[in-house]
Amino acid sequence: TRAAQVVSGAEIGAKVLAVAAEQAAGVEGEVQQELATPLADAVLPLGELTWQIEPLGVHLAAGGSRTFRVVARMRGEEVWQTLARVKQQVSRDVVVAVRAVRRNQIIRAADVAVEHRPVAGLKDEAYLTRSVDVVVARAKRPIGRGEWVHKGLLLAVVDVPEGSPVLLVYQT
């Protein structure tokens, strides 16, 4: 048998989670993450190790699963590698409908509230975090009670400058 060192799976997992946390540092909101891949202990040759941990793929939205390639190097040579998956969940304050809103209905302050919820699937700029941004907009489609409201659900608000002529049509 030759001399070797054992690096625990927990230690490797901690390194992967640290890199994943660094990458999530720019994400707005609270990020929770856990290792989705159980990592076994690695038996490596004696000597000083350098670790290279890099993400695979491109992720456009916050949250979801991330895959990382983990490489142990000794004197510049690769001595061990594995893949590790990290599950990330992003929570933030978002605008939520507190009652059902019909299509084309003008949204009022009583129709929405701000709640802390897990979000995923949309780019950061689509999330609305203040109910003021939603009030007086019209719903593009029906919005169910409890559904979070994002820019894709709203029609543009028509802003009429003060003193401008307005045509009103009344039908009975």
C-alpha atoms as a PDB file:
ATOM      1  CA  THR A   1       0.000   0.000   0.000  1.00  0.00           C
ATOM      2  CA  ARG A   2       1.196   3.482  -0.681  1.00  0.00           C
ATOM      3  CA  ALA A   3       0.868   6.487   1.565  1.00  0.00           C
ATOM      4  CA  ALA A   4      -2.315   8.430   0.968  1.00  0.00           C
ATOM      5  CA  GLN A   5      -4.512  11.114   2.444  1.00  0.00           C
ATOM      6  CA  VAL A   6      -8.260  10.919   2.847  1.00  0.00           C
ATOM      7  CA  VAL A   7     -10.393  13.973   2.145  1.00  0.00           C
ATOM      8  CA  SER A   8     -13.879  13.567   3.570  1.00  0.00           C
ATOM      9  CA  GLY A   9     -16.951  13.983   1.420  1.00  0.00           C
ATOM     10  CA  ALA A  10     -18.220  16.567   3.912  1.00  0.00           C
ATOM     11  CA  GLU A  11     -15.086  18.674   3.388  1.00  0.00           C
ATOM     12  CA  ILE A  12     -15.438  18.479  -0.402  1.00  0.00           C
ATOM     13  CA  GLY A  13     -19.143  19.337  -0.107  1.00  0.00           C
ATOM     14  CA  ALA A  14     -18.322  22.380   2.020  1.00  0.00           C
ATOM     15  CA  LYS A  15     -15.927  23.616  -0.685  1.00  0.00           C
ATOM     16  CA  VAL A  16     -18.596  23.162  -3.370  1.00  0.00           C
ATOM     17  CA  LEU A  17     -21.237  24.963  -1.269  1.00  0.00           C
ATOM     18  CA  ALA A  18     -18.801  27.839  -0.659  1.00  0.00           C
ATOM     19  CA  VAL A  19     -18.260  28.292  -4.413  1.00  0.00           C
ATOM     20  CA  ALA A  20     -22.021  28.058  -5.063  1.00  0.00           C
ATOM     21  CA  ALA A  21     -22.642  30.696  -2.358  1.00  0.00           C
ATOM     22  CA  GLU A  22     -20.054  33.003  -3.979  1.00  0.00           C
ATOM     23  CA  GLN A  23     -21.838  32.728  -7.305  1.00  0.00           C
ATOM     24  CA  ALA A  24     -25.206  33.403  -5.674  1.00  0.00           C
ATOM     25  CA  ALA A  25     -23.866  36.513  -3.918  1.00  0.00           C
ATOM     26  CA  GLY A  26     -25.259  38.778  -6.659  1.00  0.00           C
ATOM     27  CA  VAL A  27     -28.747  37.270  -6.409  1.00  0.00           C
ATOM     28  CA  GLU A  28     -31.283  39.492  -4.710  1.00  0.00           C
ATOM     29  CA  GLY A  29     -33.077  37.795  -1.823  1.00  0.00           C
ATOM     30  CA  GLU A  30     -32.336  35.018   0.635  1.00  0.00           C
ATOM     31  CA  VAL A  31     -30.536  32.006  -0.877  1.00  0.00           C
ATOM     32  CA  GLN A  32     -30.795  28.571   0.729  1.00  0.00           C
ATOM     33  CA  GLN A  33     -28.738  25.748  -0.682  1.00  0.00           C
ATOM     34  CA  GLU A  34     -28.039  22.112  -0.052  1.00  0.00           C
ATOM     35  CA  LEU A  35     -25.860  19.470  -1.620  1.00  0.00           C
ATOM     36  CA  ALA A  36     -28.027  17.195  -3.767  1.00  0.00           C
ATOM     37  CA  THR A  37     -25.203  14.743  -4.501  1.00  0.00           C
ATOM     38  CA  PRO A  38     -23.841  12.571  -1.683  1.00  0.00           C
ATOM     39  CA  LEU A  39     -20.056  12.810  -1.934  1.00  0.00           C
ATOM     40  CA  ALA A  40     -17.887   9.882  -0.845  1.00  0.00           C
ATOM     41  CA  ASP A  41     -14.516  10.289   0.827  1.00  0.00           C
ATOM     42  CA  ALA A  42     -11.650  10.681  -1.644  1.00  0.00           C
ATOM     43  CA  VAL A  43      -8.401   8.764  -1.196  1.00  0.00           C
ATOM     44  CA  LEU A  44      -5.672  10.913  -2.761  1.00  0.00           C
ATOM     45  CA  PRO A  45      -1.874  10.820  -2.911  1.00  0.00           C
ATOM     46  CA  LEU A  46       0.092  12.590  -0.190  1.00  0.00           C
ATOM     47  CA  GLY A  47       1.011  16.185  -0.921  1.00  0.00           C
ATOM     48  CA  GLU A  48      -0.500  19.626  -1.191  1.00  0.00           C
ATOM     49  CA  LEU A  49      -3.802  19.721  -3.068  1.00  0.00           C
ATOM     50  CA  THR A  50      -5.336  22.575  -4.995  1.00  0.00           C
ATOM     51  CA  TRP A  51      -9.040  22.491  -5.739  1.00  0.00           C
ATOM     52  CA  GLN A  52     -10.720  23.659  -8.916  1.00  0.00           C
ATOM     53  CA  ILE A  53     -14.507  23.939  -8.660  1.00  0.00           C
ATOM     54  CA  GLU A  54     -16.365  25.330 -11.656  1.00  0.00           C
ATOM     55  CA  PRO A  55     -20.030  25.376 -12.691  1.00  0.00           C
ATOM     56  CA  LEU A  56     -21.247  23.490 -15.736  1.00  0.00           C
ATOM     57  CA  GLY A  57     -23.834  25.120 -18.006  1.00  0.00           C
ATOM     58  CA  VAL A  58     -25.400  28.568 -18.057  1.00  0.00           C
ATOM     59  CA  HIS A  59     -28.150  29.582 -15.623  1.00  0.00           C
ATOM     60  CA  LEU A  60     -30.283  32.609 -16.410  1.00  0.00           C
ATOM     61  CA  ALA A  61     -32.685  32.571 -13.471  1.00  0.00           C
ATOM     62  CA  ALA A  62     -32.158  32.442  -9.742  1.00  0.00           C
ATOM     63  CA  GLY A  63     -32.644  29.157  -7.907  1.00  0.00           C
ATOM     64  CA  GLY A  64     -32.804  25.615  -9.224  1.00  0.00           C
ATOM     65  CA  SER A  65     -30.115  22.956  -9.502  1.00  0.00           C
ATOM     66  CA  ARG A  66     -26.494  23.701 -10.335  1.00  0.00           C
ATOM     67  CA  THR A  67     -23.869  21.155 -11.366  1.00  0.00           C
ATOM     68  CA  PHE A  68     -20.222  21.712 -10.473  1.00  0.00           C
ATOM     69  CA  ARG A  69     -17.108  19.919 -11.715  1.00  0.00           C
ATOM     70  CA  VAL A  70     -14.768  19.298  -8.778  1.00  0.00           C
ATOM     71  CA  VAL A  71     -11.099  18.623  -9.574  1.00  0.00           C
ATOM     72  CA  ALA A  72      -8.258  17.951  -7.144  1.00  0.00           C
ATOM     73  CA  ARG A  73      -4.821  18.828  -8.505  1.00  0.00           C
ATOM     74  CA  MET A  74      -1.375  18.108  -7.216  1.00  0.00           C
ATOM     75  CA  ARG A  75       1.615  19.923  -8.761  1.00  0.00           C
ATOM     76  CA  GLY A  76      -0.642  20.997 -11.631  1.00  0.00           C
ATOM     77  CA  GLU A  77      -1.770  17.473 -12.503  1.00  0.00           C
ATOM     78  CA  GLU A  78      -5.317  16.251 -12.075  1.00  0.00           C
ATOM     79  CA  VAL A  79      -5.430  13.433  -9.502  1.00  0.00           C
ATOM     80  CA  TRP A  80      -9.166  13.169  -8.879  1.00  0.00           C
ATOM     81  CA  GLN A  81     -12.474  14.547 -10.193  1.00  0.00           C
ATOM     82  CA  THR A  82     -16.219  14.264  -9.635  1.00  0.00           C
ATOM     83  CA  LEU A  83     -19.464  16.092 -10.309  1.00  0.00           C
ATOM     84  CA  ALA A  84     -21.577  17.618  -7.545  1.00  0.00           C
ATOM     85  CA  ARG A  85     -25.109  19.035  -7.728  1.00  0.00           C
ATOM     86  CA  VAL A  86     -26.315  21.857  -5.523  1.00  0.00           C
ATOM     87  CA  LYS A  87     -30.011  22.717  -5.061  1.00  0.00           C
ATOM     88  CA  GLN A  88     -30.568  26.426  -4.556  1.00  0.00           C
ATOM     89  CA  GLN A  89     -33.784  28.091  -3.505  1.00  0.00           C
ATOM     90  CA  VAL A  90     -34.157  31.866  -3.586  1.00  0.00           C
ATOM     91  CA  SER A  91     -36.756  33.575  -1.398  1.00  0.00           C
ATOM     92  CA  ARG A  92     -37.664  37.236  -1.520  1.00  0.00           C
ATOM     93  CA  ASP A  93     -40.487  39.660  -0.913  1.00  0.00           C
ATOM     94  CA  VAL A  94     -42.828  39.570  -3.918  1.00  0.00           C
ATOM     95  CA  VAL A  95     -46.240  40.965  -4.756  1.00  0.00           C
ATOM     96  CA  VAL A  96     -49.000  38.347  -4.400  1.00  0.00           C
ATOM     97  CA  ALA A  97     -52.700  38.536  -5.281  1.00  0.00           C
ATOM     98  CA  VAL A  98     -54.806  38.234  -2.111  1.00  0.00           C
ATOM     99  CA  ARG A  99     -57.995  37.796  -4.147  1.00  0.00           C
ATOM    100  CA  ALA A 100     -58.738  36.669  -7.685  1.00  0.00           C
ATOM    101  CA  VAL A 101     -58.291  39.309 -10.379  1.00  0.00           C
ATOM    102  CA  ARG A 102     -60.176  39.061 -13.685  1.00  0.00           C
ATOM    103  CA  ARG A 103     -58.642  39.685 -17.099  1.00  0.00           C
ATOM    104  CA  ASN A 104     -58.463  43.432 -17.918  1.00  0.00           C
ATOM    105  CA  GLN A 105     -59.442  44.314 -14.350  1.00  0.00           C
ATOM    106  CA  ILE A 106     -57.615  47.296 -12.853  1.00  0.00           C
ATOM    107  CA  ILE A 107     -55.624  46.081  -9.850  1.00  0.00           C
ATOM    108  CA  ARG A 108     -56.279  47.964  -6.604  1.00  0.00           C
ATOM    109  CA  ALA A 109     -54.237  48.086  -3.391  1.00  0.00           C
ATOM    110  CA  ALA A 110     -56.713  45.737  -1.663  1.00  0.00           C
ATOM    111  CA  ASP A 111     -56.120  43.086  -4.358  1.00  0.00           C
ATOM    112  CA  VAL A 112     -52.415  42.575  -3.607  1.00  0.00           C
ATOM    113  CA  ALA A 113     -49.968  42.206  -0.729  1.00  0.00           C
ATOM    114  CA  VAL A 114     -46.215  41.687  -0.329  1.00  0.00           C
ATOM    115  CA  GLU A 115     -45.162  38.253   0.992  1.00  0.00           C
ATOM    116  CA  HIS A 116     -41.828  36.487   1.481  1.00  0.00           C
ATOM    117  CA  ARG A 117     -41.871  33.493  -0.911  1.00  0.00           C
ATOM    118  CA  PRO A 118     -39.574  31.142  -2.821  1.00  0.00           C
ATOM    119  CA  VAL A 119     -39.199  32.349  -6.404  1.00  0.00           C
ATOM    120  CA  ALA A 120     -37.844  30.602  -9.479  1.00  0.00           C
ATOM    121  CA  GLY A 121     -38.327  30.565 -13.212  1.00  0.00           C
ATOM    122  CA  LEU A 122     -38.194  34.270 -14.028  1.00  0.00           C
ATOM    123  CA  LYS A 123     -35.286  36.634 -14.485  1.00  0.00           C
ATOM    124  CA  ASP A 124     -34.660  39.047 -11.598  1.00  0.00           C
ATOM    125  CA  GLU A 125     -36.040  42.085 -13.431  1.00  0.00           C
ATOM    126  CA  ALA A 126     -39.481  40.422 -13.806  1.00  0.00           C
ATOM    127  CA  TYR A 127     -40.196  40.212 -10.061  1.00  0.00           C
ATOM    128  CA  LEU A 128     -42.205  42.998  -8.498  1.00  0.00           C
ATOM    129  CA  THR A 129     -41.344  43.686  -4.870  1.00  0.00           C
ATOM    130  CA  ARG A 130     -43.570  46.687  -4.133  1.00  0.00           C
ATOM    131  CA  SER A 131     -47.351  46.697  -4.351  1.00  0.00           C
ATOM    132  CA  VAL A 132     -47.181  50.312  -5.591  1.00  0.00           C
ATOM    133  CA  ASP A 133     -45.729  48.994  -8.883  1.00  0.00           C
ATOM    134  CA  VAL A 134     -48.857  46.900  -9.489  1.00  0.00           C
ATOM    135  CA  VAL A 135     -51.692  49.166  -8.369  1.00  0.00           C
ATOM    136  CA  VAL A 136     -53.642  50.802 -11.240  1.00  0.00           C
ATOM    137  CA  ALA A 137     -52.222  48.358 -13.810  1.00  0.00           C
ATOM    138  CA  ARG A 138     -54.572  46.047 -15.708  1.00  0.00           C
ATOM    139  CA  ALA A 139     -54.300  42.269 -15.590  1.00  0.00           C
ATOM    140  CA  LYS A 140     -53.305  40.666 -18.903  1.00  0.00           C
ATOM    141  CA  ARG A 141     -54.958  37.376 -17.872  1.00  0.00           C
ATOM    142  CA  PRO A 142     -56.856  36.126 -14.815  1.00  0.00           C
ATOM    143  CA  ILE A 143     -54.658  36.065 -11.710  1.00  0.00           C
ATOM    144  CA  GLY A 144     -55.565  33.513  -9.062  1.00  0.00           C
ATOM    145  CA  ARG A 145     -55.653  34.116  -5.323  1.00  0.00           C
ATOM    146  CA  GLY A 146     -52.193  33.454  -3.874  1.00  0.00           C
ATOM    147  CA  GLU A 147     -50.430  33.740  -7.266  1.00  0.00           C
ATOM    148  CA  TRP A 148     -47.445  36.063  -7.320  1.00  0.00           C
ATOM    149  CA  VAL A 149     -47.712  38.987  -9.705  1.00  0.00           C
ATOM    150  CA  HIS A 150     -44.905  39.696 -12.178  1.00  0.00           C
ATOM    151  CA  LYS A 151     -44.434  42.078 -15.097  1.00  0.00           C
ATOM    152  CA  GLY A 152     -45.573  39.459 -17.614  1.00  0.00           C
ATOM    153  CA  LEU A 153     -49.079  39.482 -16.103  1.00  0.00           C
ATOM    154  CA  LEU A 154     -49.609  43.236 -16.448  1.00  0.00           C
ATOM    155  CA  LEU A 155     -50.677  45.441 -19.325  1.00  0.00           C
ATOM    156  CA  ALA A 156     -48.996  48.816 -19.700  1.00  0.00           C
ATOM    157  CA  VAL A 157     -50.576  51.624 -17.702  1.00  0.00           C
ATOM    158  CA  VAL A 158     -51.764  54.553 -19.792  1.00  0.00           C
ATOM    159  CA  ASP A 159     -50.552  57.752 -18.157  1.00  0.00           C
ATOM    160  CA  VAL A 160     -52.485  60.908 -19.068  1.00  0.00           C
ATOM    161  CA  PRO A 161     -50.592  64.146 -18.371  1.00  0.00           C
ATOM    162  CA  GLU A 162     -52.453  66.691 -16.263  1.00  0.00           C
ATOM    163  CA  GLY A 163     -54.515  69.124 -18.350  1.00  0.00           C
ATOM    164  CA  SER A 164     -54.614  66.894 -21.443  1.00  0.00           C
ATOM    165  CA  PRO A 165     -57.960  66.424 -23.220  1.00  0.00           C
ATOM    166  CA  VAL A 166     -59.604  63.053 -22.574  1.00  0.00           C
ATOM    167  CA  LEU A 167     -62.414  61.464 -24.595  1.00  0.00           C
ATOM    168  CA  LEU A 168     -64.941  59.575 -22.484  1.00  0.00           C
ATOM    169  CA  VAL A 169     -67.381  57.166 -24.107  1.00  0.00           C
ATOM    170  CA  TYR A 170     -70.488  56.143 -22.196  1.00  0.00           C
ATOM    171  CA  GLN A 171     -72.671  53.279 -23.388  1.00  0.00           C
ATOM    172  CA  THR A 172     -75.839  51.845 -21.900  1.00  0.00           C
END
